[in-house]
């Protein structure tokens, strides 16, 4: 005769297992390491933010959080990797606003394997980053007027950006149109290599966020000429806006956000959003983000989704109007 107590225990265990797998039961998450994918090389501002977030998120969830750099094609390679990853909360994308527009410039479209507006799950918009026009040590330009004069004298003048389709690329071409110039675009595979070539005198100008140039400002190796925002940046209050200098039709702001693959469960999205909102409120995080040239944001997943869609529409229009293409 079977032991009734053992039968009851077995039935209870089966019922618990079935219930845990069924609707209404929250699966334990996370139970293994989480990967934050950065679609650019190490050393840039997006990479720096990702490493800061990884450290703080790991402490909150009790699992390792690692950063995986997958550079190339202005972020399309890394973004495509995340789009195709399982929607289980273990592979996330830390993306700059290049994410919204790179496909339009590169004309990759569906060939990249993802839909930039509908093919991901927005989690949180983490930061805003003002963009600066900057001259390098070999340019001889100490202000925007000098730079414009140099560009008119030299048809070979060029500017670096972290990639085709980046906000920095868009800013450069908007400025070209507004100033009646033809400064040539030189794309790189991220912020770090672009800055390195500017510092080395290989490219005289760049459009960039504040963080990567901050270490070189005291020595005068680089000179910020103007900021492309409606108001001066608290990060560099002495730098005039483009509007102040007579270019009133140019406003381009970079942002950073975190996305998951399409279909990520609402429970995991809510959990991640909560963790990141708390992380962004930490004083030490805000201080470190300022060093990277980023101003903390936070908010709902819906806010990031709307920002991404709005940039896709607005800059898609600008790209077509200016005839911007991959170099």
C-alpha atoms as a PDB file:
ATOM      1  CA  UNK A   1       0.000   0.000   0.000  1.00  0.00           C
ATOM      2  CA  UNK A   2       1.347   3.435  -0.936  1.00  0.00           C
ATOM      3  CA  UNK A   3       2.243   5.885   1.778  1.00  0.00           C
ATOM      4  CA  UNK A   4      -0.580   8.504   1.873  1.00  0.00           C
ATOM      5  CA  UNK A   5       1.729  11.183   3.255  1.00  0.00           C
ATOM      6  CA  UNK A   6       4.204  10.695   0.409  1.00  0.00           C
ATOM      7  CA  UNK A   7       1.383  10.841  -2.152  1.00  0.00           C
ATOM      8  CA  UNK A   8       0.094  14.099  -0.696  1.00  0.00           C
ATOM      9  CA  UNK A   9       3.587  15.616  -0.693  1.00  0.00           C
ATOM     10  CA  UNK A  10       4.160  14.590  -4.325  1.00  0.00           C
ATOM     11  CA  UNK A  11       0.825  16.065  -5.380  1.00  0.00           C
ATOM     12  CA  UNK A  12       1.597  19.310  -3.553  1.00  0.00           C
ATOM     13  CA  UNK A  13       4.984  19.618  -5.261  1.00  0.00           C
ATOM     14  CA  UNK A  14       3.461  18.996  -8.691  1.00  0.00           C
ATOM     15  CA  UNK A  15       0.757  21.569  -8.083  1.00  0.00           C
ATOM     16  CA  UNK A  16       3.325  24.140  -6.980  1.00  0.00           C
ATOM     17  CA  UNK A  17       5.458  23.522 -10.068  1.00  0.00           C
ATOM     18  CA  UNK A  18       2.462  23.757 -12.381  1.00  0.00           C
ATOM     19  CA  UNK A  19       1.254  26.934 -10.707  1.00  0.00           C
ATOM     20  CA  UNK A  20       4.663  28.593 -10.885  1.00  0.00           C
ATOM     21  CA  UNK A  21       4.750  28.001 -14.627  1.00  0.00           C
ATOM     22  CA  UNK A  22       1.196  29.142 -15.218  1.00  0.00           C
ATOM     23  CA  UNK A  23      -0.478  32.538 -15.475  1.00  0.00           C
ATOM     24  CA  UNK A  24      -0.420  34.772 -12.436  1.00  0.00           C
ATOM     25  CA  UNK A  25       2.858  33.451 -11.043  1.00  0.00           C
ATOM     26  CA  UNK A  26       5.893  35.726 -11.240  1.00  0.00           C
ATOM     27  CA  UNK A  27       9.052  33.906 -12.220  1.00  0.00           C
ATOM     28  CA  UNK A  28      12.160  34.660 -10.148  1.00  0.00           C
ATOM     29  CA  UNK A  29      14.312  37.244 -11.941  1.00  0.00           C
ATOM     30  CA  UNK A  30      17.191  37.582 -12.233  1.00  0.00           C
ATOM     31  CA  UNK A  31      18.761  34.197 -11.581  1.00  0.00           C
ATOM     32  CA  UNK A  32      21.890  34.688 -13.722  1.00  0.00           C
ATOM     33  CA  UNK A  33      24.126  37.503 -15.026  1.00  0.00           C
ATOM     34  CA  UNK A  34      22.613  40.387 -17.010  1.00  0.00           C
ATOM     35  CA  UNK A  35      24.381  41.797 -20.071  1.00  0.00           C
ATOM     36  CA  UNK A  36      24.274  45.481 -21.031  1.00  0.00           C
ATOM     37  CA  UNK A  37      25.166  45.726 -24.722  1.00  0.00           C
ATOM     38  CA  UNK A  38      26.917  48.895 -25.904  1.00  0.00           C
ATOM     39  CA  UNK A  39      27.016  49.187 -29.690  1.00  0.00           C
ATOM     40  CA  UNK A  40      30.212  51.288 -29.600  1.00  0.00           C
ATOM     41  CA  UNK A  41      33.842  50.804 -28.518  1.00  0.00           C
ATOM     42  CA  UNK A  42      34.957  51.116 -24.908  1.00  0.00           C
ATOM     43  CA  UNK A  43      35.942  54.611 -23.798  1.00  0.00           C
ATOM     44  CA  UNK A  44      33.013  56.665 -25.088  1.00  0.00           C
ATOM     45  CA  UNK A  45      30.271  58.289 -23.032  1.00  0.00           C
ATOM     46  CA  UNK A  46      27.686  55.549 -23.682  1.00  0.00           C
ATOM     47  CA  UNK A  47      30.200  52.932 -22.561  1.00  0.00           C
ATOM     48  CA  UNK A  48      31.018  54.961 -19.424  1.00  0.00           C
ATOM     49  CA  UNK A  49      27.325  55.275 -18.534  1.00  0.00           C
ATOM     50  CA  UNK A  50      26.769  51.561 -19.106  1.00  0.00           C
ATOM     51  CA  UNK A  51      29.613  50.629 -16.756  1.00  0.00           C
ATOM     52  CA  UNK A  52      28.283  52.961 -14.077  1.00  0.00           C
ATOM     53  CA  UNK A  53      24.773  51.502 -14.406  1.00  0.00           C
ATOM     54  CA  UNK A  54      26.142  47.943 -14.434  1.00  0.00           C
ATOM     55  CA  UNK A  55      27.887  48.445 -11.103  1.00  0.00           C
ATOM     56  CA  UNK A  56      24.811  49.935  -9.436  1.00  0.00           C
ATOM     57  CA  UNK A  57      22.302  47.486 -10.915  1.00  0.00           C
ATOM     58  CA  UNK A  58      24.418  44.502  -9.891  1.00  0.00           C
ATOM     59  CA  UNK A  59      24.396  45.683  -6.271  1.00  0.00           C
ATOM     60  CA  UNK A  60      20.598  45.989  -6.358  1.00  0.00           C
ATOM     61  CA  UNK A  61      19.689  42.681  -8.032  1.00  0.00           C
ATOM     62  CA  UNK A  62      22.391  40.471  -6.529  1.00  0.00           C
ATOM     63  CA  UNK A  63      23.676  39.206  -9.882  1.00  0.00           C
ATOM     64  CA  UNK A  64      26.680  40.190 -12.019  1.00  0.00           C
ATOM     65  CA  UNK A  65      25.894  42.822 -14.666  1.00  0.00           C
ATOM     66  CA  UNK A  66      28.450  42.882 -17.482  1.00  0.00           C
ATOM     67  CA  UNK A  67      29.026  45.328 -20.343  1.00  0.00           C
ATOM     68  CA  UNK A  68      29.432  43.824 -23.824  1.00  0.00           C
ATOM     69  CA  UNK A  69      30.833  46.192 -26.482  1.00  0.00           C
ATOM     70  CA  UNK A  70      29.649  45.324 -30.007  1.00  0.00           C
ATOM     71  CA  UNK A  71      30.711  48.275 -32.188  1.00  0.00           C
ATOM     72  CA  UNK A  72      30.178  48.853 -35.877  1.00  0.00           C
ATOM     73  CA  UNK A  73      27.823  50.405 -38.456  1.00  0.00           C
ATOM     74  CA  UNK A  74      26.921  53.366 -36.225  1.00  0.00           C
ATOM     75  CA  UNK A  75      25.443  51.081 -33.601  1.00  0.00           C
ATOM     76  CA  UNK A  76      23.395  48.876 -35.913  1.00  0.00           C
ATOM     77  CA  UNK A  77      25.459  45.745 -35.180  1.00  0.00           C
ATOM     78  CA  UNK A  78      24.952  45.919 -31.411  1.00  0.00           C
ATOM     79  CA  UNK A  79      21.308  46.967 -31.722  1.00  0.00           C
ATOM     80  CA  UNK A  80      20.594  44.081 -34.085  1.00  0.00           C
ATOM     81  CA  UNK A  81      22.176  41.674 -31.607  1.00  0.00           C
ATOM     82  CA  UNK A  82      19.823  42.814 -28.835  1.00  0.00           C
ATOM     83  CA  UNK A  83      16.788  42.780 -31.139  1.00  0.00           C
ATOM     84  CA  UNK A  84      17.408  39.092 -31.829  1.00  0.00           C
ATOM     85  CA  UNK A  85      18.158  38.149 -28.197  1.00  0.00           C
ATOM     86  CA  UNK A  86      15.616  36.274 -26.051  1.00  0.00           C
ATOM     87  CA  UNK A  87      13.140  38.621 -24.364  1.00  0.00           C
ATOM     88  CA  UNK A  88      13.988  37.336 -20.897  1.00  0.00           C
ATOM     89  CA  UNK A  89      15.557  40.413 -19.269  1.00  0.00           C
ATOM     90  CA  UNK A  90      19.131  39.160 -19.478  1.00  0.00           C
ATOM     91  CA  UNK A  91      20.219  41.108 -22.586  1.00  0.00           C
ATOM     92  CA  UNK A  92      19.612  44.868 -22.662  1.00  0.00           C
ATOM     93  CA  UNK A  93      20.779  47.695 -24.911  1.00  0.00           C
ATOM     94  CA  UNK A  94      22.302  50.907 -23.554  1.00  0.00           C
ATOM     95  CA  UNK A  95      21.770  53.232 -26.505  1.00  0.00           C
ATOM     96  CA  UNK A  96      22.574  56.820 -27.416  1.00  0.00           C
ATOM     97  CA  UNK A  97      20.106  58.710 -29.590  1.00  0.00           C
ATOM     98  CA  UNK A  98      22.039  57.569 -32.673  1.00  0.00           C
ATOM     99  CA  UNK A  99      19.885  54.463 -32.210  1.00  0.00           C
ATOM    100  CA  UNK A 100      16.834  56.341 -33.550  1.00  0.00           C
ATOM    101  CA  UNK A 101      18.362  57.536 -36.791  1.00  0.00           C
ATOM    102  CA  UNK A 102      21.391  55.460 -37.842  1.00  0.00           C
ATOM    103  CA  UNK A 103      19.286  53.103 -39.963  1.00  0.00           C
ATOM    104  CA  UNK A 104      17.851  56.007 -41.955  1.00  0.00           C
ATOM    105  CA  UNK A 105      21.296  57.297 -42.910  1.00  0.00           C
ATOM    106  CA  UNK A 106      22.803  53.868 -43.513  1.00  0.00           C
ATOM    107  CA  UNK A 107      19.681  52.794 -45.432  1.00  0.00           C
ATOM    108  CA  UNK A 108      19.789  49.404 -43.719  1.00  0.00           C
ATOM    109  CA  UNK A 109      16.062  49.311 -42.873  1.00  0.00           C
ATOM    110  CA  UNK A 110      14.693  45.817 -42.413  1.00  0.00           C
ATOM    111  CA  UNK A 111      18.061  44.425 -43.477  1.00  0.00           C
ATOM    112  CA  UNK A 112      19.368  45.212 -40.009  1.00  0.00           C
ATOM    113  CA  UNK A 113      16.857  42.764 -38.565  1.00  0.00           C
ATOM    114  CA  UNK A 114      14.904  45.196 -36.417  1.00  0.00           C
ATOM    115  CA  UNK A 115      12.336  47.992 -36.376  1.00  0.00           C
ATOM    116  CA  UNK A 116      13.824  50.940 -34.472  1.00  0.00           C
ATOM    117  CA  UNK A 117      10.414  52.191 -33.254  1.00  0.00           C
ATOM    118  CA  UNK A 118       8.453  48.971 -32.707  1.00  0.00           C
ATOM    119  CA  UNK A 119      11.144  46.294 -32.492  1.00  0.00           C
ATOM    120  CA  UNK A 120      12.328  46.926 -28.896  1.00  0.00           C
ATOM    121  CA  UNK A 121      10.893  47.326 -25.413  1.00  0.00           C
ATOM    122  CA  UNK A 122      11.652  50.782 -23.949  1.00  0.00           C
ATOM    123  CA  UNK A 123      12.751  50.650 -20.299  1.00  0.00           C
ATOM    124  CA  UNK A 124      14.001  54.109 -19.292  1.00  0.00           C
ATOM    125  CA  UNK A 125      15.540  57.302 -20.664  1.00  0.00           C
ATOM    126  CA  UNK A 126      18.594  57.754 -18.495  1.00  0.00           C
ATOM    127  CA  UNK A 127      20.253  60.994 -19.602  1.00  0.00           C
ATOM    128  CA  UNK A 128      20.319  64.087 -21.770  1.00  0.00           C
ATOM    129  CA  UNK A 129      23.627  65.298 -23.200  1.00  0.00           C
ATOM    130  CA  UNK A 130      24.147  68.707 -24.817  1.00  0.00           C
ATOM    131  CA  UNK A 131      26.213  68.708 -28.002  1.00  0.00           C
ATOM    132  CA  UNK A 132      29.150  71.021 -28.636  1.00  0.00           C
ATOM    133  CA  UNK A 133      30.981  72.093 -31.762  1.00  0.00           C
ATOM    134  CA  UNK A 134      34.662  71.766 -30.848  1.00  0.00           C
ATOM    135  CA  UNK A 135      37.977  72.693 -32.491  1.00  0.00           C
ATOM    136  CA  UNK A 136      41.146  70.651 -32.029  1.00  0.00           C
ATOM    137  CA  UNK A 137      44.742  71.760 -31.422  1.00  0.00           C
ATOM    138  CA  UNK A 138      45.645  72.047 -35.095  1.00  0.00           C
ATOM    139  CA  UNK A 139      42.653  74.053 -36.272  1.00  0.00           C
ATOM    140  CA  UNK A 140      43.710  77.507 -35.117  1.00  0.00           C
ATOM    141  CA  UNK A 141      40.055  78.298 -34.354  1.00  0.00           C
ATOM    142  CA  UNK A 142      39.411  79.795 -30.919  1.00  0.00           C
ATOM    143  CA  UNK A 143      35.804  80.771 -31.619  1.00  0.00           C
ATOM    144  CA  UNK A 144      33.051  79.960 -34.091  1.00  0.00           C
ATOM    145  CA  UNK A 145      33.788  83.004 -36.254  1.00  0.00           C
ATOM    146  CA  UNK A 146      37.383  81.784 -36.735  1.00  0.00           C
ATOM    147  CA  UNK A 147      36.139  78.326 -37.649  1.00  0.00           C
ATOM    148  CA  UNK A 148      33.675  79.629 -40.233  1.00  0.00           C
ATOM    149  CA  UNK A 149      36.390  81.796 -41.776  1.00  0.00           C
ATOM    150  CA  UNK A 150      38.754  78.805 -41.944  1.00  0.00           C
ATOM    151  CA  UNK A 151      36.053  76.660 -43.560  1.00  0.00           C
ATOM    152  CA  UNK A 152      35.484  79.302 -46.237  1.00  0.00           C
ATOM    153  CA  UNK A 153      39.222  79.464 -46.975  1.00  0.00           C
ATOM    154  CA  UNK A 154      39.753  75.708 -47.080  1.00  0.00           C
ATOM    155  CA  UNK A 155      37.426  73.396 -49.028  1.00  0.00           C
ATOM    156  CA  UNK A 156      39.146  70.385 -47.406  1.00  0.00           C
ATOM    157  CA  UNK A 157      38.219  71.232 -43.812  1.00  0.00           C
ATOM    158  CA  UNK A 158      36.587  68.261 -42.074  1.00  0.00           C
ATOM    159  CA  UNK A 159      34.828  67.312 -38.859  1.00  0.00           C
ATOM    160  CA  UNK A 160      34.757  64.012 -36.959  1.00  0.00           C
ATOM    161  CA  UNK A 161      31.682  62.273 -35.577  1.00  0.00           C
ATOM    162  CA  UNK A 162      31.171  58.963 -33.739  1.00  0.00           C
ATOM    163  CA  UNK A 163      29.376  57.553 -36.773  1.00  0.00           C
ATOM    164  CA  UNK A 164      27.115  58.179 -39.737  1.00  0.00           C
ATOM    165  CA  UNK A 165      23.609  58.951 -38.573  1.00  0.00           C
ATOM    166  CA  UNK A 166      24.688  60.083 -35.122  1.00  0.00           C
ATOM    167  CA  UNK A 167      23.239  63.315 -33.678  1.00  0.00           C
ATOM    168  CA  UNK A 168      26.747  64.726 -34.064  1.00  0.00           C
ATOM    169  CA  UNK A 169      26.634  63.974 -37.803  1.00  0.00           C
ATOM    170  CA  UNK A 170      23.177  65.580 -38.056  1.00  0.00           C
ATOM    171  CA  UNK A 171      24.421  68.648 -36.146  1.00  0.00           C
ATOM    172  CA  UNK A 172      27.409  69.002 -38.460  1.00  0.00           C
ATOM    173  CA  UNK A 173      25.249  68.942 -41.567  1.00  0.00           C
ATOM    174  CA  UNK A 174      22.634  71.290 -40.111  1.00  0.00           C
ATOM    175  CA  UNK A 175      25.435  73.734 -39.336  1.00  0.00           C
ATOM    176  CA  UNK A 176      26.850  73.348 -42.848  1.00  0.00           C
ATOM    177  CA  UNK A 177      23.496  74.343 -44.316  1.00  0.00           C
ATOM    178  CA  UNK A 178      22.889  77.215 -41.905  1.00  0.00           C
ATOM    179  CA  UNK A 179      26.387  78.695 -42.391  1.00  0.00           C
ATOM    180  CA  UNK A 180      26.588  77.999 -46.134  1.00  0.00           C
ATOM    181  CA  UNK A 181      29.608  75.722 -45.693  1.00  0.00           C
ATOM    182  CA  UNK A 182      30.724  72.317 -46.930  1.00  0.00           C
ATOM    183  CA  UNK A 183      32.830  70.954 -44.065  1.00  0.00           C
ATOM    184  CA  UNK A 184      33.396  67.290 -44.848  1.00  0.00           C
ATOM    185  CA  UNK A 185      32.134  64.580 -42.509  1.00  0.00           C
ATOM    186  CA  UNK A 186      34.571  61.922 -41.251  1.00  0.00           C
ATOM    187  CA  UNK A 187      32.719  59.117 -39.410  1.00  0.00           C
ATOM    188  CA  UNK A 188      34.348  56.930 -36.749  1.00  0.00           C
ATOM    189  CA  UNK A 189      33.244  53.827 -34.868  1.00  0.00           C
ATOM    190  CA  UNK A 190      32.491  55.690 -31.668  1.00  0.00           C
ATOM    191  CA  UNK A 191      33.327  58.797 -29.651  1.00  0.00           C
ATOM    192  CA  UNK A 192      36.727  57.665 -28.338  1.00  0.00           C
ATOM    193  CA  UNK A 193      38.439  57.114 -31.725  1.00  0.00           C
ATOM    194  CA  UNK A 194      36.922  60.352 -33.085  1.00  0.00           C
ATOM    195  CA  UNK A 195      38.290  62.375 -30.150  1.00  0.00           C
ATOM    196  CA  UNK A 196      41.677  60.680 -30.424  1.00  0.00           C
ATOM    197  CA  UNK A 197      42.055  61.811 -34.038  1.00  0.00           C
ATOM    198  CA  UNK A 198      40.950  65.350 -33.192  1.00  0.00           C
ATOM    199  CA  UNK A 199      43.501  65.488 -30.361  1.00  0.00           C
ATOM    200  CA  UNK A 200      46.136  64.116 -32.725  1.00  0.00           C
ATOM    201  CA  UNK A 201      45.465  66.886 -35.230  1.00  0.00           C
ATOM    202  CA  UNK A 202      44.239  64.500 -37.941  1.00  0.00           C
ATOM    203  CA  UNK A 203      40.768  66.096 -38.008  1.00  0.00           C
ATOM    204  CA  UNK A 204      40.430  69.763 -36.947  1.00  0.00           C
ATOM    205  CA  UNK A 205      36.812  69.799 -35.752  1.00  0.00           C
ATOM    206  CA  UNK A 206      34.181  67.618 -34.126  1.00  0.00           C
ATOM    207  CA  UNK A 207      30.687  67.663 -32.719  1.00  0.00           C
ATOM    208  CA  UNK A 208      30.576  65.855 -29.385  1.00  0.00           C
ATOM    209  CA  UNK A 209      29.086  65.664 -25.908  1.00  0.00           C
ATOM    210  CA  UNK A 210      30.888  67.388 -23.042  1.00  0.00           C
ATOM    211  CA  UNK A 211      32.312  64.424 -21.137  1.00  0.00           C
ATOM    212  CA  UNK A 212      34.911  63.195 -23.640  1.00  0.00           C
ATOM    213  CA  UNK A 213      36.422  66.676 -24.075  1.00  0.00           C
ATOM    214  CA  UNK A 214      36.312  67.781 -20.409  1.00  0.00           C
ATOM    215  CA  UNK A 215      39.776  66.377 -19.509  1.00  0.00           C
ATOM    216  CA  UNK A 216      41.395  68.392 -22.315  1.00  0.00           C
ATOM    217  CA  UNK A 217      39.796  71.784 -21.653  1.00  0.00           C
ATOM    218  CA  UNK A 218      42.212  73.043 -18.941  1.00  0.00           C
ATOM    219  CA  UNK A 219      45.213  72.497 -21.205  1.00  0.00           C
ATOM    220  CA  UNK A 220      43.497  74.101 -24.199  1.00  0.00           C
ATOM    221  CA  UNK A 221      43.953  71.012 -26.369  1.00  0.00           C
ATOM    222  CA  UNK A 222      40.361  71.419 -27.485  1.00  0.00           C
ATOM    223  CA  UNK A 223      38.159  74.503 -27.597  1.00  0.00           C
ATOM    224  CA  UNK A 224      34.344  74.343 -27.368  1.00  0.00           C
ATOM    225  CA  UNK A 225      32.995  76.838 -29.907  1.00  0.00           C
ATOM    226  CA  UNK A 226      29.240  76.599 -29.349  1.00  0.00           C
ATOM    227  CA  UNK A 227      26.521  74.432 -27.810  1.00  0.00           C
ATOM    228  CA  UNK A 228      23.589  73.254 -29.937  1.00  0.00           C
ATOM    229  CA  UNK A 229      20.858  73.729 -27.340  1.00  0.00           C
ATOM    230  CA  UNK A 230      18.265  76.409 -26.627  1.00  0.00           C
ATOM    231  CA  UNK A 231      20.195  77.525 -23.527  1.00  0.00           C
ATOM    232  CA  UNK A 232      23.776  77.409 -22.319  1.00  0.00           C
ATOM    233  CA  UNK A 233      24.777  74.187 -20.637  1.00  0.00           C
ATOM    234  CA  UNK A 234      25.404  74.108 -16.861  1.00  0.00           C
ATOM    235  CA  UNK A 235      28.357  71.885 -17.715  1.00  0.00           C
ATOM    236  CA  UNK A 236      30.049  74.727 -19.621  1.00  0.00           C
ATOM    237  CA  UNK A 237      28.200  77.994 -18.932  1.00  0.00           C
ATOM    238  CA  UNK A 238      30.805  80.147 -20.694  1.00  0.00           C
ATOM    239  CA  UNK A 239      30.175  78.479 -24.063  1.00  0.00           C
ATOM    240  CA  UNK A 240      27.607  80.399 -26.157  1.00  0.00           C
ATOM    241  CA  UNK A 241      24.685  78.736 -27.900  1.00  0.00           C
ATOM    242  CA  UNK A 242      24.533  78.607 -31.679  1.00  0.00           C
ATOM    243  CA  UNK A 243      21.469  80.847 -31.479  1.00  0.00           C
ATOM    244  CA  UNK A 244      23.469  83.502 -29.628  1.00  0.00           C
ATOM    245  CA  UNK A 245      26.001  83.429 -32.454  1.00  0.00           C
ATOM    246  CA  UNK A 246      23.380  83.934 -35.126  1.00  0.00           C
ATOM    247  CA  UNK A 247      22.450  80.350 -36.022  1.00  0.00           C
ATOM    248  CA  UNK A 248      18.933  80.253 -34.635  1.00  0.00           C
ATOM    249  CA  UNK A 249      17.618  77.209 -36.485  1.00  0.00           C
ATOM    250  CA  UNK A 250      19.873  74.538 -34.967  1.00  0.00           C
ATOM    251  CA  UNK A 251      18.955  72.564 -31.840  1.00  0.00           C
ATOM    252  CA  UNK A 252      20.238  69.022 -31.468  1.00  0.00           C
ATOM    253  CA  UNK A 253      20.353  67.259 -28.104  1.00  0.00           C
ATOM    254  CA  UNK A 254      21.727  63.767 -27.540  1.00  0.00           C
ATOM    255  CA  UNK A 255      20.120  61.350 -25.089  1.00  0.00           C
ATOM    256  CA  UNK A 256      20.762  57.918 -23.662  1.00  0.00           C
ATOM    257  CA  UNK A 257      18.249  55.166 -22.967  1.00  0.00           C
ATOM    258  CA  UNK A 258      17.919  51.499 -22.095  1.00  0.00           C
ATOM    259  CA  UNK A 259      15.927  49.079 -24.244  1.00  0.00           C
ATOM    260  CA  UNK A 260      15.165  45.376 -24.113  1.00  0.00           C
ATOM    261  CA  UNK A 261      14.192  43.044 -26.949  1.00  0.00           C
ATOM    262  CA  UNK A 262      10.600  43.246 -28.155  1.00  0.00           C
ATOM    263  CA  UNK A 263       8.206  41.289 -25.942  1.00  0.00           C
ATOM    264  CA  UNK A 264       9.987  41.809 -22.626  1.00  0.00           C
ATOM    265  CA  UNK A 265       7.464  41.089 -19.868  1.00  0.00           C
ATOM    266  CA  UNK A 266       5.786  44.086 -18.189  1.00  0.00           C
ATOM    267  CA  UNK A 267       6.860  42.742 -14.778  1.00  0.00           C
ATOM    268  CA  UNK A 268      10.550  42.773 -15.728  1.00  0.00           C
ATOM    269  CA  UNK A 269      10.200  46.193 -17.391  1.00  0.00           C
ATOM    270  CA  UNK A 270       8.586  47.581 -14.228  1.00  0.00           C
ATOM    271  CA  UNK A 271      11.323  46.088 -12.046  1.00  0.00           C
ATOM    272  CA  UNK A 272      14.146  47.407 -14.225  1.00  0.00           C
ATOM    273  CA  UNK A 273      12.542  50.822 -14.572  1.00  0.00           C
ATOM    274  CA  UNK A 274      12.227  51.057 -10.790  1.00  0.00           C
ATOM    275  CA  UNK A 275      15.849  50.070 -10.222  1.00  0.00           C
ATOM    276  CA  UNK A 276      17.186  52.550 -12.776  1.00  0.00           C
ATOM    277  CA  UNK A 277      15.023  55.399 -11.489  1.00  0.00           C
ATOM    278  CA  UNK A 278      16.454  54.822  -8.022  1.00  0.00           C
ATOM    279  CA  UNK A 279      19.992  54.578  -9.397  1.00  0.00           C
ATOM    280  CA  UNK A 280      19.589  57.905 -11.217  1.00  0.00           C
ATOM    281  CA  UNK A 281      18.617  59.593  -7.940  1.00  0.00           C
ATOM    282  CA  UNK A 282      21.885  58.614  -6.245  1.00  0.00           C
ATOM    283  CA  UNK A 283      24.128  61.683  -5.649  1.00  0.00           C
ATOM    284  CA  UNK A 284      27.292  59.819  -6.601  1.00  0.00           C
ATOM    285  CA  UNK A 285      25.692  58.665  -9.864  1.00  0.00           C
ATOM    286  CA  UNK A 286      24.675  62.234 -10.757  1.00  0.00           C
ATOM    287  CA  UNK A 287      28.205  63.436  -9.987  1.00  0.00           C
ATOM    288  CA  UNK A 288      29.812  60.766 -12.167  1.00  0.00           C
ATOM    289  CA  UNK A 289      27.333  61.377 -14.984  1.00  0.00           C
ATOM    290  CA  UNK A 290      28.280  65.059 -14.960  1.00  0.00           C
ATOM    291  CA  UNK A 291      31.886  64.004 -15.562  1.00  0.00           C
ATOM    292  CA  UNK A 292      30.632  62.104 -18.633  1.00  0.00           C
ATOM    293  CA  UNK A 293      28.728  65.191 -19.773  1.00  0.00           C
ATOM    294  CA  UNK A 294      25.323  63.678 -18.986  1.00  0.00           C
ATOM    295  CA  UNK A 295      22.394  65.086 -17.022  1.00  0.00           C
ATOM    296  CA  UNK A 296      20.309  62.385 -15.235  1.00  0.00           C
ATOM    297  CA  UNK A 297      16.713  61.928 -16.374  1.00  0.00           C
ATOM    298  CA  UNK A 298      14.647  58.864 -15.485  1.00  0.00           C
ATOM    299  CA  UNK A 299      10.907  58.486 -15.901  1.00  0.00           C
ATOM    300  CA  UNK A 300       8.594  55.937 -17.483  1.00  0.00           C
ATOM    301  CA  UNK A 301       9.202  53.487 -20.324  1.00  0.00           C
ATOM    302  CA  UNK A 302       6.533  55.374 -22.285  1.00  0.00           C
ATOM    303  CA  UNK A 303       8.620  58.570 -22.156  1.00  0.00           C
ATOM    304  CA  UNK A 304      11.582  56.819 -23.779  1.00  0.00           C
ATOM    305  CA  UNK A 305       9.314  55.260 -26.401  1.00  0.00           C
ATOM    306  CA  UNK A 306       7.870  58.665 -27.336  1.00  0.00           C
ATOM    307  CA  UNK A 307      11.308  60.321 -27.442  1.00  0.00           C
ATOM    308  CA  UNK A 308      12.665  57.578 -29.695  1.00  0.00           C
ATOM    309  CA  UNK A 309       9.690  57.755 -32.072  1.00  0.00           C
ATOM    310  CA  UNK A 310       9.792  61.576 -32.186  1.00  0.00           C
ATOM    311  CA  UNK A 311      13.519  61.611 -33.071  1.00  0.00           C
ATOM    312  CA  UNK A 312      12.976  58.948 -35.723  1.00  0.00           C
ATOM    313  CA  UNK A 313      10.327  61.140 -37.349  1.00  0.00           C
ATOM    314  CA  UNK A 314      12.001  64.556 -36.895  1.00  0.00           C
ATOM    315  CA  UNK A 315      15.522  63.611 -37.885  1.00  0.00           C
ATOM    316  CA  UNK A 316      14.274  61.301 -40.622  1.00  0.00           C
ATOM    317  CA  UNK A 317      12.768  64.433 -42.150  1.00  0.00           C
ATOM    318  CA  UNK A 318      16.005  66.436 -41.659  1.00  0.00           C
ATOM    319  CA  UNK A 319      18.111  63.650 -43.170  1.00  0.00           C
ATOM    320  CA  UNK A 320      15.973  63.606 -46.307  1.00  0.00           C
ATOM    321  CA  UNK A 321      15.854  67.415 -46.583  1.00  0.00           C
ATOM    322  CA  UNK A 322      19.646  67.739 -46.310  1.00  0.00           C
ATOM    323  CA  UNK A 323      20.436  64.651 -48.350  1.00  0.00           C
ATOM    324  CA  UNK A 324      22.545  63.189 -45.532  1.00  0.00           C
ATOM    325  CA  UNK A 325      24.125  59.853 -46.446  1.00  0.00           C
ATOM    326  CA  UNK A 326      26.600  57.426 -44.957  1.00  0.00           C
ATOM    327  CA  UNK A 327      30.185  58.419 -45.761  1.00  0.00           C
END
